[in-house]
Amino acid sequence: MNAYQLIVLAFGSAVIVTILWAIWAIVRSSDLRFKPLWIAGSLFGFVGLGINWTKPDDLVFLFGVMVPAVTGFTVLATGQTIIKAGFPIVALAALIKIHSAGKLDDRPRSGLE
């Protein structure tokens, strides 16, 4: 693995952790309206990194909408494997909104509520 592959791997891991953390916080928030829209928006990546995994010479900075936020595919004609990861801006906005308001419900749940 070279440095570009490690950067994309670390960035993709950070994206996945951010999405999961945001969804957890949205579900447990006691004061956030339109929770399904916040959750759906958290799955979209907007600004990110991309790399040709089979020949990692260039690291590409991406703008656009990516669903899911971390994507990998192989181009059949050339055999190249492309990995793209887009940072979920909506998930970050949800985390900032929830944690700045301090409205996270941290009570233990019994499952009977």
Protein backbone atom coordinates (compact mmCIF):
# COMPACT_ATOMS: atom_id res chain seq x y z
CA MET A 1 0.00 0.00 0.00
CA ASN A 2 1.24 3.46 -0.78
CA ALA A 3 0.45 6.74 0.98
CA TYR A 4 -2.48 7.63 -1.29
CA GLN A 5 -4.19 4.32 -0.60
CA LEU A 6 -3.72 4.82 3.14
CA ILE A 7 -5.17 8.33 2.91
CA VAL A 8 -8.28 7.09 1.07
CA LEU A 9 -8.64 4.18 3.50
CA ALA A 10 -8.41 6.50 6.54
CA PHE A 11 -10.77 9.04 4.95
CA GLY A 12 -13.29 6.32 4.05
CA SER A 13 -13.14 4.96 7.59
CA ALA A 14 -13.74 8.46 9.00
CA VAL A 15 -16.72 8.86 6.66
CA ILE A 16 -18.29 5.60 7.82
CA VAL A 17 -17.74 6.44 11.51
CA THR A 18 -19.23 9.92 11.01
CA ILE A 19 -22.32 8.51 9.29
CA LEU A 20 -22.91 5.88 11.99
CA TRP A 21 -22.33 8.38 14.80
CA ALA A 22 -24.71 10.89 13.18
CA ILE A 23 -27.47 8.31 12.67
CA TRP A 24 -27.09 7.17 16.29
CA ALA A 25 -27.27 10.78 17.51
CA ILE A 26 -30.26 11.62 15.28
CA VAL A 27 -32.24 8.61 16.50
CA ARG A 28 -31.47 9.38 20.15
CA SER A 29 -32.07 13.13 19.86
CA SER A 30 -35.10 14.30 21.79
CA ASP A 31 -35.58 17.63 20.04
CA LEU A 32 -34.67 17.17 16.35
CA ARG A 33 -37.48 17.55 13.82
CA PHE A 34 -37.67 15.65 10.51
CA LYS A 35 -35.47 12.77 11.68
CA PRO A 36 -36.01 10.63 8.54
CA LEU A 37 -34.73 13.48 6.35
CA TRP A 38 -31.67 14.01 8.55
CA ILE A 39 -30.91 10.28 8.41
CA ALA A 40 -31.35 10.16 4.61
CA GLY A 41 -29.18 13.25 4.18
CA SER A 42 -26.47 11.69 6.33
CA LEU A 43 -26.02 8.92 3.76
CA PHE A 44 -24.99 11.37 1.01
CA GLY A 45 -21.35 12.31 0.48
CA PHE A 46 -20.54 15.65 -1.11
CA VAL A 47 -16.84 16.51 -0.97
CA GLY A 48 -14.32 13.72 -1.00
CA LEU A 49 -11.38 11.76 -2.32
CA GLY A 50 -11.02 9.19 -5.06
CA ILE A 51 -8.26 6.87 -6.25
CA ASN A 52 -7.58 4.25 -8.87
CA TRP A 53 -6.76 1.46 -6.43
CA THR A 54 -4.99 -0.76 -8.97
CA LYS A 55 -2.56 2.00 -10.01
CA PRO A 56 -2.55 4.56 -7.19
CA ASP A 57 -0.53 7.33 -8.80
CA ASP A 58 -3.03 10.14 -8.34
CA LEU A 59 -5.30 11.16 -5.51
CA VAL A 60 -8.40 12.91 -6.85
CA PHE A 61 -10.40 15.57 -4.99
CA LEU A 62 -14.11 15.10 -5.75
CA PHE A 63 -17.09 17.44 -5.72
CA GLY A 64 -20.59 16.09 -6.21
CA VAL A 65 -23.18 13.83 -4.66
CA MET A 66 -22.22 10.26 -3.83
CA VAL A 67 -24.70 7.71 -2.53
CA PRO A 68 -23.55 5.72 -0.67
CA ALA A 69 -20.82 7.97 0.69
CA VAL A 70 -18.14 5.26 0.23
CA THR A 71 -18.19 3.55 -3.18
CA GLY A 72 -15.96 1.07 -4.93
CA PHE A 73 -16.31 -0.43 -8.39
CA THR A 74 -14.27 -2.16 -11.09
CA VAL A 75 -14.22 -0.95 -14.71
CA LEU A 76 -14.60 -4.20 -16.67
CA ALA A 77 -12.96 -2.95 -19.85
CA THR A 78 -9.71 -1.88 -18.13
CA GLY A 79 -9.77 -3.90 -14.89
CA GLN A 80 -9.21 -0.76 -12.81
CA THR A 81 -10.72 -0.63 -9.33
CA ILE A 82 -11.94 2.83 -8.36
CA ILE A 83 -12.58 3.80 -4.74
CA LYS A 84 -14.44 7.03 -3.89
CA ALA A 85 -15.38 8.46 -0.50
CA GLY A 86 -17.43 11.62 0.01
CA PHE A 87 -17.75 13.37 3.35
CA PRO A 88 -21.35 13.53 4.63
CA ILE A 89 -21.89 17.27 5.21
CA VAL A 90 -25.48 16.72 6.42
CA ALA A 91 -24.26 14.21 9.03
CA LEU A 92 -21.73 16.75 10.29
CA ALA A 93 -24.43 19.45 10.42
CA ALA A 94 -26.70 17.10 12.39
CA LEU A 95 -23.95 16.31 14.88
CA ILE A 96 -23.17 20.00 15.37
CA LYS A 97 -26.87 20.86 15.79
CA ILE A 98 -27.55 18.06 18.26
CA HIS A 99 -24.44 18.48 20.37
CA SER A 100 -24.60 22.29 20.49
CA ALA A 101 -28.20 22.11 21.71
CA GLY A 102 -27.34 19.40 24.24
CA LYS A 103 -30.54 17.53 23.39
CA LEU A 104 -29.16 13.99 23.24
CA ASP A 105 -31.26 11.50 25.20
CA ASP A 106 -28.66 9.32 26.96
CA ARG A 107 -31.04 7.45 29.20
CA PRO A 108 -30.68 3.68 29.06
CA ARG A 109 -33.50 2.05 27.13
CA SER A 110 -35.13 -1.16 28.16
CA GLY A 111 -36.75 -1.84 24.80
CA LEU A 112 -40.20 -1.82 26.43
CA GLU A 113 -40.85 1.88 25.89
